[in-house]
Amino acid sequence: AVKGSYNLETGDIMVRSDVPHFQKVKTILHEYAHAVDFQMHPGEDV
């Protein structure tokens, strides 16, 4: 139902495969940005 996700506990990134590659590029960067953001700003108050 979603185009992608980032699992905070496992660090796994999911990208929906049945969408155009243009969307997949944007999605994988979105989810990777979550990973980097949580690494750089781990505070739970965000």
All heavy atoms as atom14 arrays in JSON, in Angstrom:
{
  "sequence": "AVKGSYNLETGDIMVRSDVPHFQKVKTILHEYAHAVDFQMHPGEDV",
  "atom14_mask": [
    [1, 1, 1, 1, 1, 0, 0, 0, 0, 0, 0, 0, 0, 0],
    [1, 1, 1, 1, 1, 1, 1, 0, 0, 0, 0, 0, 0, 0],
    [1, 1, 1, 1, 1, 1, 1, 1, 1, 0, 0, 0, 0, 0],
    [1, 1, 1, 1, 0, 0, 0, 0, 0, 0, 0, 0, 0, 0],
    [1, 1, 1, 1, 1, 1, 0, 0, 0, 0, 0, 0, 0, 0],
    [1, 1, 1, 1, 1, 1, 1, 1, 1, 1, 1, 1, 0, 0],
    [1, 1, 1, 1, 1, 1, 1, 1, 0, 0, 0, 0, 0, 0],
    [1, 1, 1, 1, 1, 1, 1, 1, 0, 0, 0, 0, 0, 0],
    [1, 1, 1, 1, 1, 1, 1, 1, 1, 0, 0, 0, 0, 0],
    [1, 1, 1, 1, 1, 1, 1, 0, 0, 0, 0, 0, 0, 0],
    [1, 1, 1, 1, 0, 0, 0, 0, 0, 0, 0, 0, 0, 0],
    [1, 1, 1, 1, 1, 1, 1, 1, 0, 0, 0, 0, 0, 0],
    [1, 1, 1, 1, 1, 1, 1, 1, 0, 0, 0, 0, 0, 0],
    [1, 1, 1, 1, 1, 1, 1, 1, 0, 0, 0, 0, 0, 0],
    [1, 1, 1, 1, 1, 1, 1, 0, 0, 0, 0, 0, 0, 0],
    [1, 1, 1, 1, 1, 1, 1, 1, 1, 1, 1, 0, 0, 0],
    [1, 1, 1, 1, 1, 1, 0, 0, 0, 0, 0, 0, 0, 0],
    [1, 1, 1, 1, 1, 1, 1, 1, 0, 0, 0, 0, 0, 0],
    [1, 1, 1, 1, 1, 1, 1, 0, 0, 0, 0, 0, 0, 0],
    [1, 1, 1, 1, 1, 1, 1, 0, 0, 0, 0, 0, 0, 0],
    [1, 1, 1, 1, 1, 1, 1, 1, 1, 1, 0, 0, 0, 0],
    [1, 1, 1, 1, 1, 1, 1, 1, 1, 1, 1, 0, 0, 0],
    [1, 1, 1, 1, 1, 1, 1, 1, 1, 0, 0, 0, 0, 0],
    [1, 1, 1, 1, 1, 1, 1, 1, 1, 0, 0, 0, 0, 0],
    [1, 1, 1, 1, 1, 1, 1, 0, 0, 0, 0, 0, 0, 0],
    [1, 1, 1, 1, 1, 1, 1, 1, 1, 0, 0, 0, 0, 0],
    [1, 1, 1, 1, 1, 1, 1, 0, 0, 0, 0, 0, 0, 0],
    [1, 1, 1, 1, 1, 1, 1, 1, 0, 0, 0, 0, 0, 0],
    [1, 1, 1, 1, 1, 1, 1, 1, 0, 0, 0, 0, 0, 0],
    [1, 1, 1, 1, 1, 1, 1, 1, 1, 1, 0, 0, 0, 0],
    [1, 1, 1, 1, 1, 1, 1, 1, 1, 0, 0, 0, 0, 0],
    [1, 1, 1, 1, 1, 1, 1, 1, 1, 1, 1, 1, 0, 0],
    [1, 1, 1, 1, 1, 0, 0, 0, 0, 0, 0, 0, 0, 0],
    [1, 1, 1, 1, 1, 1, 1, 1, 1, 1, 0, 0, 0, 0],
    [1, 1, 1, 1, 1, 0, 0, 0, 0, 0, 0, 0, 0, 0],
    [1, 1, 1, 1, 1, 1, 1, 0, 0, 0, 0, 0, 0, 0],
    [1, 1, 1, 1, 1, 1, 1, 1, 0, 0, 0, 0, 0, 0],
    [1, 1, 1, 1, 1, 1, 1, 1, 1, 1, 1, 0, 0, 0],
    [1, 1, 1, 1, 1, 1, 1, 1, 1, 0, 0, 0, 0, 0],
    [1, 1, 1, 1, 1, 1, 1, 1, 0, 0, 0, 0, 0, 0],
    [1, 1, 1, 1, 1, 1, 1, 1, 1, 1, 0, 0, 0, 0],
    [1, 1, 1, 1, 1, 1, 1, 0, 0, 0, 0, 0, 0, 0],
    [1, 1, 1, 1, 0, 0, 0, 0, 0, 0, 0, 0, 0, 0],
    [1, 1, 1, 1, 1, 1, 1, 1, 1, 0, 0, 0, 0, 0],
    [1, 1, 1, 1, 1, 1, 1, 1, 0, 0, 0, 0, 0, 0],
    [1, 1, 1, 1, 1, 1, 1, 0, 0, 0, 0, 0, 0, 0]
  ],
  "atom14_positions": [
    [[0.82, -1.21, 0.0], [0.0, 0.0, 0.0], [0.86, 1.26, 0.0], [0.41, 2.32, -0.42], [-0.93, 0.0, 1.21], [0.0, 0.0, 0.0], [0.0, 0.0, 0.0], [0.0, 0.0, 0.0], [0.0, 0.0, 0.0], [0.0, 0.0, 0.0], [0.0, 0.0, 0.0], [0.0, 0.0, 0.0], [0.0, 0.0, 0.0], [0.0, 0.0, 0.0]],
    [[2.11, 1.14, 0.45], [3.01, 2.28, 0.5], [4.11, 2.1, -0.53], [4.41, 0.98, -0.96], [3.62, 2.46, 1.9], [2.54, 2.78, 2.92], [4.4, 1.21, 2.31], [0.0, 0.0, 0.0], [0.0, 0.0, 0.0], [0.0, 0.0, 0.0], [0.0, 0.0, 0.0], [0.0, 0.0, 0.0], [0.0, 0.0, 0.0], [0.0, 0.0, 0.0]],
    [[4.72, 3.22, -0.93], [5.78, 3.14, -1.95], [7.12, 2.76, -1.34], [8.02, 2.3, -2.05], [5.88, 4.48, -2.68], [4.64, 4.81, -3.5], [4.82, 6.12, -4.25], [3.62, 6.39, -5.16], [2.42, 6.7, -4.38], [0.0, 0.0, 0.0], [0.0, 0.0, 0.0], [0.0, 0.0, 0.0], [0.0, 0.0, 0.0], [0.0, 0.0, 0.0]],
    [[7.27, 2.96, -0.04], [8.52, 2.6, 0.61], [8.41, 2.75, 2.11], [7.45, 3.32, 2.63], [0.0, 0.0, 0.0], [0.0, 0.0, 0.0], [0.0, 0.0, 0.0], [0.0, 0.0, 0.0], [0.0, 0.0, 0.0], [0.0, 0.0, 0.0], [0.0, 0.0, 0.0], [0.0, 0.0, 0.0], [0.0, 0.0, 0.0], [0.0, 0.0, 0.0]],
    [[9.41, 2.22, 2.82], [9.41, 2.35, 4.29], [10.82, 2.16, 4.81], [11.69, 1.58, 4.15], [8.47, 1.32, 4.92], [8.95, 0.0, 4.68], [0.0, 0.0, 0.0], [0.0, 0.0, 0.0], [0.0, 0.0, 0.0], [0.0, 0.0, 0.0], [0.0, 0.0, 0.0], [0.0, 0.0, 0.0], [0.0, 0.0, 0.0], [0.0, 0.0, 0.0]],
    [[11.03, 2.67, 6.03], [12.3, 2.49, 6.74], [11.99, 1.94, 8.12], [11.18, 2.51, 8.85], [13.06, 3.81, 6.85], [14.23, 3.75, 7.81], [15.32, 2.95, 7.54], [14.23, 4.5, 9.0], [16.4, 2.87, 8.42], [15.3, 4.43, 9.88], [16.38, 3.62, 9.59], [17.43, 3.55, 10.46], [0.0, 0.0, 0.0], [0.0, 0.0, 0.0]],
    [[12.61, 0.82, 8.47], [12.4, 0.19, 9.76], [13.46, 0.7, 10.73], [14.64, 0.39, 10.57], [12.45, -1.33, 9.64], [12.02, -2.04, 10.91], [12.53, -1.75, 11.99], [11.08, -2.96, 10.79], [0.0, 0.0, 0.0], [0.0, 0.0, 0.0], [0.0, 0.0, 0.0], [0.0, 0.0, 0.0], [0.0, 0.0, 0.0], [0.0, 0.0, 0.0]],
    [[13.04, 1.46, 11.71], [13.97, 2.09, 12.65], [14.72, 1.06, 13.48], [15.87, 1.26, 13.84], [13.2, 3.06, 13.56], [14.03, 3.9, 14.54], [15.07, 4.72, 13.8], [13.11, 4.81, 15.35], [0.0, 0.0, 0.0], [0.0, 0.0, 0.0], [0.0, 0.0, 0.0], [0.0, 0.0, 0.0], [0.0, 0.0, 0.0], [0.0, 0.0, 0.0]],
    [[14.09, -0.08, 13.79], [14.71, -1.1, 14.63], [15.74, -1.93, 13.87], [16.82, -2.21, 14.37], [13.64, -2.0, 15.24], [12.73, -1.29, 16.24], [11.74, -2.25, 16.88], [11.75, -3.45, 16.52], [10.97, -1.8, 17.74], [0.0, 0.0, 0.0], [0.0, 0.0, 0.0], [0.0, 0.0, 0.0], [0.0, 0.0, 0.0], [0.0, 0.0, 0.0]],
    [[15.41, -2.35, 12.65], [16.3, -3.22, 11.88], [17.2, -2.46, 10.92], [18.22, -2.97, 10.47], [15.49, -4.25, 11.08], [14.71, -3.56, 10.08], [14.57, -5.05, 11.99], [0.0, 0.0, 0.0], [0.0, 0.0, 0.0], [0.0, 0.0, 0.0], [0.0, 0.0, 0.0], [0.0, 0.0, 0.0], [0.0, 0.0, 0.0], [0.0, 0.0, 0.0]],
    [[16.79, -1.24, 10.56], [17.54, -0.47, 9.57], [17.21, -0.87, 8.14], [17.82, -0.38, 7.19], [0.0, 0.0, 0.0], [0.0, 0.0, 0.0], [0.0, 0.0, 0.0], [0.0, 0.0, 0.0], [0.0, 0.0, 0.0], [0.0, 0.0, 0.0], [0.0, 0.0, 0.0], [0.0, 0.0, 0.0], [0.0, 0.0, 0.0], [0.0, 0.0, 0.0]],
    [[16.23, -1.76, 7.98], [15.86, -2.23, 6.64], [15.09, -1.16, 5.88], [14.28, -0.42, 6.47], [14.99, -3.49, 6.73], [15.76, -4.69, 7.27], [16.99, -4.57, 7.43], [15.12, -5.73, 7.53], [0.0, 0.0, 0.0], [0.0, 0.0, 0.0], [0.0, 0.0, 0.0], [0.0, 0.0, 0.0], [0.0, 0.0, 0.0], [0.0, 0.0, 0.0]],
    [[15.33, -1.1, 4.58], [14.63, -0.18, 3.7], [13.82, -0.99, 2.7], [14.35, -1.92, 2.07], [15.61, 0.75, 2.96], [16.21, 1.77, 3.95], [14.94, 1.47, 1.79], [17.32, 2.62, 3.35], [0.0, 0.0, 0.0], [0.0, 0.0, 0.0], [0.0, 0.0, 0.0], [0.0, 0.0, 0.0], [0.0, 0.0, 0.0], [0.0, 0.0, 0.0]],
    [[12.54, -0.66, 2.55], [11.69, -1.33, 1.58], [11.31, -0.36, 0.48], [10.96, 0.79, 0.75], [10.42, -1.87, 2.26], [9.54, -2.74, 1.34], [8.46, -1.79, 0.22], [7.25, -1.15, 1.37], [0.0, 0.0, 0.0], [0.0, 0.0, 0.0], [0.0, 0.0, 0.0], [0.0, 0.0, 0.0], [0.0, 0.0, 0.0], [0.0, 0.0, 0.0]],
    [[11.41, -0.82, -0.76], [11.0, -0.04, -1.92], [10.02, -0.86, -2.73], [10.28, -2.03, -3.03], [12.22, 0.33, -2.8], [11.76, 1.12, -4.02], [13.24, 1.13, -2.0], [0.0, 0.0, 0.0], [0.0, 0.0, 0.0], [0.0, 0.0, 0.0], [0.0, 0.0, 0.0], [0.0, 0.0, 0.0], [0.0, 0.0, 0.0], [0.0, 0.0, 0.0]],
    [[8.91, -0.25, -3.07], [7.91, -0.94, -3.88], [8.47, -1.19, -5.28], [8.98, -0.28, -5.92], [6.64, -0.1, -3.95], [5.47, -0.78, -4.64], [4.22, 0.02, -4.41], [3.15, -0.4, -5.3], [1.91, 0.08, -5.27], [1.6, 1.01, -4.37], [0.99, -0.35, -6.11], [0.0, 0.0, 0.0], [0.0, 0.0, 0.0], [0.0, 0.0, 0.0]],
    [[8.38, -2.43, -5.73], [9.02, -2.81, -7.0], [8.16, -2.55, -8.22], [8.69, -2.39, -9.33], [9.41, -4.29, -6.95], [8.25, -5.1, -6.77], [0.0, 0.0, 0.0], [0.0, 0.0, 0.0], [0.0, 0.0, 0.0], [0.0, 0.0, 0.0], [0.0, 0.0, 0.0], [0.0, 0.0, 0.0], [0.0, 0.0, 0.0], [0.0, 0.0, 0.0]],
    [[6.84, -2.51, -8.05], [5.94, -2.37, -9.21], [5.55, -0.91, -9.48], [4.39, -0.6, -9.75], [4.68, -3.23, -9.03], [3.95, -2.95, -7.72], [4.53, -2.23, -6.87], [2.83, -3.43, -7.55], [0.0, 0.0, 0.0], [0.0, 0.0, 0.0], [0.0, 0.0, 0.0], [0.0, 0.0, 0.0], [0.0, 0.0, 0.0], [0.0, 0.0, 0.0]],
    [[6.55, -0.01, -9.4], [6.36, 1.4, -9.75], [7.49, 1.79, -10.7], [8.52, 1.11, -10.77], [6.38, 2.31, -8.5], [5.2, 2.03, -7.59], [7.69, 2.16, -7.74], [0.0, 0.0, 0.0], [0.0, 0.0, 0.0], [0.0, 0.0, 0.0], [0.0, 0.0, 0.0], [0.0, 0.0, 0.0], [0.0, 0.0, 0.0], [0.0, 0.0, 0.0]],
    [[7.35, 2.89, -11.46], [8.41, 3.31, -12.38], [9.73, 3.57, -11.64], [9.74, 3.93, -10.47], [7.85, 4.59, -13.0], [6.37, 4.47, -12.86], [6.16, 3.75, -11.57], [0.0, 0.0, 0.0], [0.0, 0.0, 0.0], [0.0, 0.0, 0.0], [0.0, 0.0, 0.0], [0.0, 0.0, 0.0], [0.0, 0.0, 0.0], [0.0, 0.0, 0.0]],
    [[10.85, 3.41, -12.35], [12.16, 3.61, -11.74], [12.36, 5.04, -11.25], [13.08, 5.27, -10.28], [13.27, 3.22, -12.72], [13.54, 1.75, -12.75], [12.79, 0.88, -13.51], [14.45, 0.99, -12.09], [13.24, -0.35, -13.33], [14.23, -0.31, -12.47], [0.0, 0.0, 0.0], [0.0, 0.0, 0.0], [0.0, 0.0, 0.0], [0.0, 0.0, 0.0]],
    [[11.72, 5.99, -11.92], [11.82, 7.38, -11.47], [11.29, 7.49, -10.04], [11.89, 8.14, -9.19], [11.02, 8.29, -12.41], [11.34, 9.75, -12.28], [12.34, 10.33, -13.05], [10.65, 10.56, -11.38], [12.64, 11.68, -12.93], [10.95, 11.9, -11.25], [11.94, 12.46, -12.03], [0.0, 0.0, 0.0], [0.0, 0.0, 0.0], [0.0, 0.0, 0.0]],
    [[10.15, 6.83, -9.79], [9.56, 6.83, -8.44], [10.45, 6.06, -7.47], [10.63, 6.46, -6.32], [8.18, 6.19, -8.48], [7.51, 6.05, -7.12], [7.17, 7.4, -6.49], [6.48, 8.2, -7.09], [7.66, 7.64, -5.28], [0.0, 0.0, 0.0], [0.0, 0.0, 0.0], [0.0, 0.0, 0.0], [0.0, 0.0, 0.0], [0.0, 0.0, 0.0]],
    [[11.04, 4.98, -7.93], [11.9, 4.16, -7.06], [13.15, 4.93, -6.62], [13.6, 4.79, -5.48], [12.29, 2.87, -7.78], [11.12, 1.9, -7.94], [11.44, 0.78, -8.92], [12.32, -0.28, -8.3], [12.46, -1.46, -9.22], [0.0, 0.0, 0.0], [0.0, 0.0, 0.0], [0.0, 0.0, 0.0], [0.0, 0.0, 0.0], [0.0, 0.0, 0.0]],
    [[13.69, 5.75, -7.52], [14.85, 6.58, -7.16], [14.47, 7.53, -6.04], [15.17, 7.65, -5.02], [15.37, 7.38, -8.38], [16.36, 8.45, -7.93], [16.03, 6.46, -9.38], [0.0, 0.0, 0.0], [0.0, 0.0, 0.0], [0.0, 0.0, 0.0], [0.0, 0.0, 0.0], [0.0, 0.0, 0.0], [0.0, 0.0, 0.0], [0.0, 0.0, 0.0]],
    [[13.34, 8.23, -6.22], [12.9, 9.19, -5.21], [12.61, 8.48, -3.9], [12.99, 8.95, -2.81], [11.66, 9.93, -5.73], [11.38, 11.27, -5.08], [10.86, 11.21, -3.66], [9.63, 10.33, -3.57], [9.22, 10.17, -2.12], [0.0, 0.0, 0.0], [0.0, 0.0, 0.0], [0.0, 0.0, 0.0], [0.0, 0.0, 0.0], [0.0, 0.0, 0.0]],
    [[11.97, 7.33, -3.96], [11.58, 6.6, -2.76], [12.78, 6.08, -1.98], [12.84, 6.22, -0.75], [10.64, 5.42, -3.11], [9.43, 5.94, -3.69], [10.3, 4.6, -1.88], [0.0, 0.0, 0.0], [0.0, 0.0, 0.0], [0.0, 0.0, 0.0], [0.0, 0.0, 0.0], [0.0, 0.0, 0.0], [0.0, 0.0, 0.0], [0.0, 0.0, 0.0]],
    [[13.74, 5.48, -2.67], [14.89, 4.92, -1.95], [15.71, 6.03, -1.3], [16.26, 5.86, -0.21], [15.76, 4.05, -2.9], [16.63, 3.11, -2.05], [16.63, 4.9, -3.83], [17.35, 2.04, -2.87], [0.0, 0.0, 0.0], [0.0, 0.0, 0.0], [0.0, 0.0, 0.0], [0.0, 0.0, 0.0], [0.0, 0.0, 0.0], [0.0, 0.0, 0.0]],
    [[15.74, 7.21, -1.94], [16.43, 8.34, -1.33], [15.65, 8.88, -0.13], [16.24, 9.29, 0.87], [16.65, 9.45, -2.36], [17.79, 9.2, -3.35], [17.78, 10.26, -4.46], [19.15, 9.21, -2.64], [0.0, 0.0, 0.0], [0.0, 0.0, 0.0], [0.0, 0.0, 0.0], [0.0, 0.0, 0.0], [0.0, 0.0, 0.0], [0.0, 0.0, 0.0]],
    [[14.33, 8.88, -0.22], [13.49, 9.31, 0.89], [13.74, 8.42, 2.11], [13.95, 8.91, 3.23], [12.01, 9.24, 0.48], [11.05, 9.56, 1.58], [10.34, 10.75, 1.63], [10.66, 8.87, 2.68], [9.56, 10.76, 2.7], [9.75, 9.61, 3.36], [0.0, 0.0, 0.0], [0.0, 0.0, 0.0], [0.0, 0.0, 0.0], [0.0, 0.0, 0.0]],
    [[13.72, 7.1, 1.9], [13.88, 6.18, 3.02], [15.31, 6.21, 3.56], [15.53, 6.12, 4.77], [13.51, 4.75, 2.59], [12.1, 4.6, 2.01], [11.01, 5.19, 2.88], [11.2, 5.34, 4.1], [9.94, 5.53, 2.34], [0.0, 0.0, 0.0], [0.0, 0.0, 0.0], [0.0, 0.0, 0.0], [0.0, 0.0, 0.0], [0.0, 0.0, 0.0]],
    [[16.29, 6.36, 2.66], [17.68, 6.48, 3.12], [17.88, 7.77, 3.9], [18.64, 7.8, 4.87], [18.62, 6.42, 1.92], [20.09, 6.44, 2.3], [20.62, 5.52, 3.2], [20.96, 7.39, 1.75], [21.97, 5.54, 3.55], [22.3, 7.41, 2.09], [22.8, 6.49, 2.99], [24.13, 6.52, 3.34], [0.0, 0.0, 0.0], [0.0, 0.0, 0.0]],
    [[17.18, 8.83, 3.49], [17.26, 10.1, 4.22], [16.74, 9.92, 5.64], [17.27, 10.52, 6.59], [16.45, 11.18, 3.49], [0.0, 0.0, 0.0], [0.0, 0.0, 0.0], [0.0, 0.0, 0.0], [0.0, 0.0, 0.0], [0.0, 0.0, 0.0], [0.0, 0.0, 0.0], [0.0, 0.0, 0.0], [0.0, 0.0, 0.0], [0.0, 0.0, 0.0]],
    [[15.7, 9.11, 5.82], [15.21, 8.79, 7.17], [16.35, 8.16, 7.98], [16.58, 8.54, 9.13], [14.05, 7.8, 7.1], [12.71, 8.42, 6.96], [12.28, 9.48, 7.74], [11.67, 8.13, 6.12], [11.04, 9.82, 7.39], [10.66, 9.03, 6.41], [0.0, 0.0, 0.0], [0.0, 0.0, 0.0], [0.0, 0.0, 0.0], [0.0, 0.0, 0.0]],
    [[17.05, 7.21, 7.38], [18.12, 6.5, 8.1], [19.22, 7.48, 8.52], [19.68, 7.45, 9.67], [18.69, 5.4, 7.2], [0.0, 0.0, 0.0], [0.0, 0.0, 0.0], [0.0, 0.0, 0.0], [0.0, 0.0, 0.0], [0.0, 0.0, 0.0], [0.0, 0.0, 0.0], [0.0, 0.0, 0.0], [0.0, 0.0, 0.0], [0.0, 0.0, 0.0]],
    [[19.63, 8.34, 7.61], [20.69, 9.3, 7.91], [20.21, 10.32, 8.94], [20.95, 10.7, 9.85], [21.16, 10.01, 6.63], [22.2, 11.08, 6.95], [21.75, 9.0, 5.64], [0.0, 0.0, 0.0], [0.0, 0.0, 0.0], [0.0, 0.0, 0.0], [0.0, 0.0, 0.0], [0.0, 0.0, 0.0], [0.0, 0.0, 0.0], [0.0, 0.0, 0.0]],
    [[18.97, 10.76, 8.8], [18.4, 11.74, 9.73], [18.37, 11.19, 11.15], [18.78, 11.87, 12.11], [16.99, 12.12, 9.28], [16.31, 13.1, 10.22], [17.02, 13.95, 10.81], [15.08, 13.03, 10.37], [0.0, 0.0, 0.0], [0.0, 0.0, 0.0], [0.0, 0.0, 0.0], [0.0, 0.0, 0.0], [0.0, 0.0, 0.0], [0.0, 0.0, 0.0]],
    [[17.9, 9.95, 11.31], [17.85, 9.35, 12.64], [19.24, 9.14, 13.21], [19.45, 9.22, 14.42], [17.1, 8.02, 12.6], [15.6, 8.16, 12.74], [14.78, 8.05, 11.63], [15.03, 8.43, 13.97], [13.41, 8.18, 11.76], [13.66, 8.57, 14.11], [12.84, 8.45, 12.99], [0.0, 0.0, 0.0], [0.0, 0.0, 0.0], [0.0, 0.0, 0.0]],
    [[20.22, 8.88, 12.34], [21.59, 8.72, 12.8], [22.17, 10.05, 13.26], [22.86, 10.11, 14.29], [22.45, 8.15, 11.66], [23.89, 7.89, 12.06], [24.73, 7.37, 10.9], [24.45, 7.65, 9.75], [25.75, 6.61, 11.21], [0.0, 0.0, 0.0], [0.0, 0.0, 0.0], [0.0, 0.0, 0.0], [0.0, 0.0, 0.0], [0.0, 0.0, 0.0]],
    [[21.89, 11.13, 12.52], [22.44, 12.43, 12.86], [21.65, 13.13, 13.94], [22.2, 13.91, 14.72], [22.46, 13.31, 11.59], [23.38, 12.79, 10.5], [23.32, 13.83, 9.01], [24.21, 15.3, 9.59], [0.0, 0.0, 0.0], [0.0, 0.0, 0.0], [0.0, 0.0, 0.0], [0.0, 0.0, 0.0], [0.0, 0.0, 0.0], [0.0, 0.0, 0.0]],
    [[20.34, 12.87, 14.01], [19.46, 13.53, 14.99], [18.6, 12.46, 15.67], [17.42, 12.31, 15.34], [18.57, 14.57, 14.3], [19.31, 15.47, 13.36], [19.25, 15.36, 11.98], [20.16, 16.49, 13.61], [20.01, 16.27, 11.42], [20.58, 16.97, 12.39], [0.0, 0.0, 0.0], [0.0, 0.0, 0.0], [0.0, 0.0, 0.0], [0.0, 0.0, 0.0]],
    [[19.17, 11.7, 16.6], [18.46, 10.57, 17.21], [17.38, 10.94, 18.21], [16.66, 10.06, 18.68], [19.59, 9.79, 17.88], [20.62, 10.84, 18.21], [20.56, 11.83, 17.09], [0.0, 0.0, 0.0], [0.0, 0.0, 0.0], [0.0, 0.0, 0.0], [0.0, 0.0, 0.0], [0.0, 0.0, 0.0], [0.0, 0.0, 0.0], [0.0, 0.0, 0.0]],
    [[17.24, 12.19, 18.56], [16.27, 12.59, 19.59], [14.85, 12.12, 19.29], [14.38, 12.19, 18.16], [0.0, 0.0, 0.0], [0.0, 0.0, 0.0], [0.0, 0.0, 0.0], [0.0, 0.0, 0.0], [0.0, 0.0, 0.0], [0.0, 0.0, 0.0], [0.0, 0.0, 0.0], [0.0, 0.0, 0.0], [0.0, 0.0, 0.0], [0.0, 0.0, 0.0]],
    [[14.19, 11.62, 20.3], [12.83, 11.11, 20.14], [11.79, 12.22, 20.17], [10.6, 11.97, 19.98], [12.53, 10.09, 21.24], [13.41, 8.84, 21.17], [13.09, 7.83, 22.25], [12.19, 8.13, 23.07], [13.73, 6.77, 22.29], [0.0, 0.0, 0.0], [0.0, 0.0, 0.0], [0.0, 0.0, 0.0], [0.0, 0.0, 0.0], [0.0, 0.0, 0.0]],
    [[12.22, 13.46, 20.42], [11.27, 14.56, 20.54], [10.93, 15.18, 19.19], [10.15, 16.13, 19.12], [11.83, 15.64, 21.48], [13.19, 16.17, 21.02], [13.87, 15.43, 20.28], [13.55, 17.29, 21.42], [0.0, 0.0, 0.0], [0.0, 0.0, 0.0], [0.0, 0.0, 0.0], [0.0, 0.0, 0.0], [0.0, 0.0, 0.0], [0.0, 0.0, 0.0]],
    [[11.52, 14.65, 18.09], [11.21, 15.18, 16.76], [9.93, 14.51, 16.27], [9.84, 13.28, 16.22], [12.36, 14.9, 15.77], [12.04, 15.5, 14.4], [13.66, 15.49, 16.3], [0.0, 0.0, 0.0], [0.0, 0.0, 0.0], [0.0, 0.0, 0.0], [0.0, 0.0, 0.0], [0.0, 0.0, 0.0], [0.0, 0.0, 0.0], [0.0, 0.0, 0.0]]
  ]
}
